[in-house]
Every structure is written in structure tokens, then in C-alpha cells.
Amino acid sequence: MIGPPEHAPSQQIALLRSVGYAAFGRHEKDLDVLDVVYDSLVDAPDSCDRRVRRLRFAGHGVTLDVDVRGRTDLTVELRVSPPGPVVVESRGDDTGRPKLVSFLLRWPSSTQQPVRTAWIIL
């Protein structure tokens, strides 16, 4: 019996991104979306440090760097540029692994429009 075809990581990312953009368009019209511009699993698969997955989201004058450590007990470190007071919320599925997640960034007392990252599987 032949199973469903395997999809390359880039195809999976493109599909997930299109679903995420469609969801944003229906529910969060006042948010800009930061796109994934770097993912060490895709862009540097032969990296020597397999313990840390590095992601970069960028757009609209904002960059969010994300380091993910661990397989079952995830530790996530975030760095926002430009630096300053920012509130970060994560949204996603907490039911198990893998986790589908997106980050919302808001700047209190600022004219900077809130942004959300594209959805990513951790």
C-alpha cells in the first residue's frame, strides 16, 4: 500500500504560511505579519549545533530572533529589534508535539503597529 507523498520542508512551510495568512486576513486585519526569513532546519540543515533551532522573522521594520532548545521540554528565547519595551504573547496549540505557534508583539505607549509572526511548527 502506498501512503501519501512526502512533502519537502519548503513545501510544508509554504503551505503552513498560506494557511496562516488566510487566518490573519479573516481575524486580525489590524496586524502586520512577520515572515520567516531564516530557519536553521531548512537553511542550515548541516549545522553543527543541532540542540538549538534558530528562527528569524522580519518585516515592517521589526526583527524577531527565536532560539528553541529541547525536544520535549521546550525553552524559547526571543530577541526583538529594534530593542525597547515590548509585550510578546504566544498563541498556538498546547495539546502536544509538534507545536504550532505564532508570536504577537505589541509596543505599549508607542505608535508601532502590533505584528504577528507567521505560524511555525516547533
C-alpha atoms as a PDB file:
ATOM      1  CA  MET A   1       0.000   0.000   0.000  1.00  0.00           C
ATOM      2  CA  ILE A   2       1.355   3.405  -0.929  1.00  0.00           C
ATOM      3  CA  GLY A   3       0.966   6.229   1.595  1.00  0.00           C
ATOM      4  CA  PRO A   4       0.614   9.949   0.951  1.00  0.00           C
ATOM      5  CA  PRO A   5       3.574  11.596  -0.772  1.00  0.00           C
ATOM      6  CA  GLU A   6       6.234  13.089   1.433  1.00  0.00           C
ATOM      7  CA  HIS A   7       6.469  16.877   1.167  1.00  0.00           C
ATOM      8  CA  ALA A   8       9.761  18.702   1.232  1.00  0.00           C
ATOM      9  CA  PRO A   9      10.197  21.043   4.221  1.00  0.00           C
ATOM     10  CA  SER A  10       9.967  24.067   1.911  1.00  0.00           C
ATOM     11  CA  GLN A  11       6.586  22.846   0.608  1.00  0.00           C
ATOM     12  CA  GLN A  12       5.332  22.292   4.157  1.00  0.00           C
ATOM     13  CA  ILE A  13       6.471  25.782   5.151  1.00  0.00           C
ATOM     14  CA  ALA A  14       4.784  27.333   2.100  1.00  0.00           C
ATOM     15  CA  LEU A  15       1.521  25.517   2.849  1.00  0.00           C
ATOM     16  CA  LEU A  16       1.581  26.470   6.525  1.00  0.00           C
ATOM     17  CA  ARG A  17       2.384  30.083   5.632  1.00  0.00           C
ATOM     18  CA  SER A  18      -0.546  30.322   3.200  1.00  0.00           C
ATOM     19  CA  VAL A  19      -2.926  28.906   5.827  1.00  0.00           C
ATOM     20  CA  GLY A  20      -1.594  31.385   8.393  1.00  0.00           C
ATOM     21  CA  TYR A  21      -2.006  34.361   6.060  1.00  0.00           C
ATOM     22  CA  ALA A  22      -5.583  33.282   5.303  1.00  0.00           C
ATOM     23  CA  ALA A  23      -6.328  33.097   9.035  1.00  0.00           C
ATOM     24  CA  PHE A  24      -4.815  36.542   9.634  1.00  0.00           C
ATOM     25  CA  GLY A  25      -6.865  38.004   6.793  1.00  0.00           C
ATOM     26  CA  ARG A  26     -10.098  36.794   8.342  1.00  0.00           C
ATOM     27  CA  HIS A  27      -9.442  37.506  12.014  1.00  0.00           C
ATOM     28  CA  GLU A  28      -6.706  40.068  12.543  1.00  0.00           C
ATOM     29  CA  LYS A  29      -6.948  42.786   9.926  1.00  0.00           C
ATOM     30  CA  ASP A  30      -5.121  45.354  12.074  1.00  0.00           C
ATOM     31  CA  LEU A  31      -1.926  43.271  12.376  1.00  0.00           C
ATOM     32  CA  ASP A  32       1.082  43.089  10.092  1.00  0.00           C
ATOM     33  CA  VAL A  33       2.689  39.674   9.604  1.00  0.00           C
ATOM     34  CA  LEU A  34       6.398  38.990  10.085  1.00  0.00           C
ATOM     35  CA  ASP A  35       7.579  36.346   7.655  1.00  0.00           C
ATOM     36  CA  VAL A  36      10.086  33.586   8.354  1.00  0.00           C
ATOM     37  CA  VAL A  37      13.332  34.696   6.712  1.00  0.00           C
ATOM     38  CA  TYR A  38      15.608  32.105   8.337  1.00  0.00           C
ATOM     39  CA  ASP A  39      15.034  28.663   9.837  1.00  0.00           C
ATOM     40  CA  SER A  40      18.123  26.639  10.725  1.00  0.00           C
ATOM     41  CA  LEU A  41      16.256  23.382   9.993  1.00  0.00           C
ATOM     42  CA  VAL A  42      15.779  24.467   6.372  1.00  0.00           C
ATOM     43  CA  ASP A  43      18.564  26.981   5.737  1.00  0.00           C
ATOM     44  CA  ALA A  44      21.394  25.246   7.616  1.00  0.00           C
ATOM     45  CA  PRO A  45      20.434  21.571   7.984  1.00  0.00           C
ATOM     46  CA  ASP A  46      24.066  20.502   8.368  1.00  0.00           C
ATOM     47  CA  SER A  47      24.652  22.921  11.241  1.00  0.00           C
ATOM     48  CA  CYS A  48      26.908  21.520  13.921  1.00  0.00           C
ATOM     49  CA  ASP A  49      24.667  22.703  16.794  1.00  0.00           C
ATOM     50  CA  ARG A  50      21.527  20.559  16.442  1.00  0.00           C
ATOM     51  CA  ARG A  51      20.499  21.322  20.033  1.00  0.00           C
ATOM     52  CA  VAL A  52      19.311  24.830  19.132  1.00  0.00           C
ATOM     53  CA  ARG A  53      16.901  25.696  16.351  1.00  0.00           C
ATOM     54  CA  ARG A  54      17.256  29.288  15.228  1.00  0.00           C
ATOM     55  CA  LEU A  55      14.477  31.220  13.540  1.00  0.00           C
ATOM     56  CA  ARG A  56      14.275  34.784  12.292  1.00  0.00           C
ATOM     57  CA  PHE A  57      11.054  36.603  11.476  1.00  0.00           C
ATOM     58  CA  ALA A  58      11.236  40.000   9.794  1.00  0.00           C
ATOM     59  CA  GLY A  59       9.146  42.697   8.185  1.00  0.00           C
ATOM     60  CA  HIS A  60       7.588  46.102   8.805  1.00  0.00           C
ATOM     61  CA  GLY A  61      10.764  47.424  10.457  1.00  0.00           C
ATOM     62  CA  VAL A  62      10.809  44.631  13.073  1.00  0.00           C
ATOM     63  CA  THR A  63      13.010  41.560  13.514  1.00  0.00           C
ATOM     64  CA  LEU A  64      12.308  38.744  15.949  1.00  0.00           C
ATOM     65  CA  ASP A  65      15.028  36.157  16.568  1.00  0.00           C
ATOM     66  CA  VAL A  66      13.902  32.936  18.234  1.00  0.00           C
ATOM     67  CA  ASP A  67      16.113  30.208  19.709  1.00  0.00           C
ATOM     68  CA  VAL A  68      14.356  26.939  20.558  1.00  0.00           C
ATOM     69  CA  ARG A  69      16.041  24.340  22.771  1.00  0.00           C
ATOM     70  CA  GLY A  70      14.811  20.930  23.828  1.00  0.00           C
ATOM     71  CA  ARG A  71      12.641  18.263  22.301  1.00  0.00           C
ATOM     72  CA  THR A  72      10.003  17.542  24.925  1.00  0.00           C
ATOM     73  CA  ASP A  73      10.529  20.407  27.367  1.00  0.00           C
ATOM     74  CA  LEU A  74      10.911  23.439  25.098  1.00  0.00           C
ATOM     75  CA  THR A  75      12.856  26.521  26.101  1.00  0.00           C
ATOM     76  CA  VAL A  76      12.259  29.512  23.840  1.00  0.00           C
ATOM     77  CA  GLU A  77      14.423  32.649  23.880  1.00  0.00           C
ATOM     78  CA  LEU A  78      13.239  35.750  21.992  1.00  0.00           C
ATOM     79  CA  ARG A  79      15.147  38.856  20.879  1.00  0.00           C
ATOM     80  CA  VAL A  80      13.270  41.803  19.335  1.00  0.00           C
ATOM     81  CA  SER A  81      14.846  44.510  17.217  1.00  0.00           C
ATOM     82  CA  PRO A  82      14.613  47.431  17.498  1.00  0.00           C
ATOM     83  CA  PRO A  83      15.021  47.000  21.250  1.00  0.00           C
ATOM     84  CA  GLY A  84      12.637  48.583  23.714  1.00  0.00           C
ATOM     85  CA  PRO A  85       9.622  47.789  25.860  1.00  0.00           C
ATOM     86  CA  VAL A  86       7.583  45.140  24.062  1.00  0.00           C
ATOM     87  CA  VAL A  87       4.873  42.698  25.120  1.00  0.00           C
ATOM     88  CA  VAL A  88       5.124  39.275  23.480  1.00  0.00           C
ATOM     89  CA  GLU A  89       2.297  36.747  23.548  1.00  0.00           C
ATOM     90  CA  SER A  90       2.407  33.263  22.097  1.00  0.00           C
ATOM     91  CA  ARG A  91      -0.586  31.634  20.510  1.00  0.00           C
ATOM     92  CA  GLY A  92      -0.838  28.058  19.444  1.00  0.00           C
ATOM     93  CA  ASP A  93      -1.718  24.503  20.116  1.00  0.00           C
ATOM     94  CA  ASP A  94      -0.621  23.230  23.538  1.00  0.00           C
ATOM     95  CA  THR A  95      -2.042  19.743  23.104  1.00  0.00           C
ATOM     96  CA  GLY A  96       1.191  18.006  22.212  1.00  0.00           C
ATOM     97  CA  ARG A  97       4.182  17.839  19.928  1.00  0.00           C
ATOM     98  CA  PRO A  98       4.811  19.224  17.405  1.00  0.00           C
ATOM     99  CA  LYS A  99       3.546  22.623  18.499  1.00  0.00           C
ATOM    100  CA  LEU A 100       2.063  25.110  16.072  1.00  0.00           C
ATOM    101  CA  VAL A 101       2.822  28.604  17.349  1.00  0.00           C
ATOM    102  CA  SER A 102       2.748  32.282  16.420  1.00  0.00           C
ATOM    103  CA  PHE A 103       4.021  35.249  18.435  1.00  0.00           C
ATOM    104  CA  LEU A 104       2.182  38.560  18.830  1.00  0.00           C
ATOM    105  CA  LEU A 105       4.308  41.634  19.556  1.00  0.00           C
ATOM    106  CA  ARG A 106       2.824  44.861  20.953  1.00  0.00           C
ATOM    107  CA  TRP A 107       4.606  48.039  21.972  1.00  0.00           C
ATOM    108  CA  PRO A 108       2.872  49.776  24.903  1.00  0.00           C
ATOM    109  CA  SER A 109       2.732  53.569  24.667  1.00  0.00           C
ATOM    110  CA  SER A 110       4.055  53.530  21.096  1.00  0.00           C
ATOM    111  CA  THR A 111       2.747  54.246  17.623  1.00  0.00           C
ATOM    112  CA  GLN A 112       4.287  50.974  16.379  1.00  0.00           C
ATOM    113  CA  GLN A 113       1.518  48.774  14.997  1.00  0.00           C
ATOM    114  CA  PRO A 114       1.288  45.298  16.569  1.00  0.00           C
ATOM    115  CA  VAL A 115       2.727  42.460  14.490  1.00  0.00           C
ATOM    116  CA  ARG A 116       2.285  38.710  14.469  1.00  0.00           C
ATOM    117  CA  THR A 117       4.757  36.143  13.230  1.00  0.00           C
ATOM    118  CA  ALA A 118       3.873  33.630  10.575  1.00  0.00           C
ATOM    119  CA  TRP A 119       2.837  30.304  12.123  1.00  0.00           C
ATOM    120  CA  ILE A 120       5.672  27.857  12.677  1.00  0.00           C
ATOM    121  CA  ILE A 121       5.887  24.262  13.867  1.00  0.00           C
ATOM    122  CA  LEU A 122       8.269  23.857  16.825  1.00  0.00           C
END
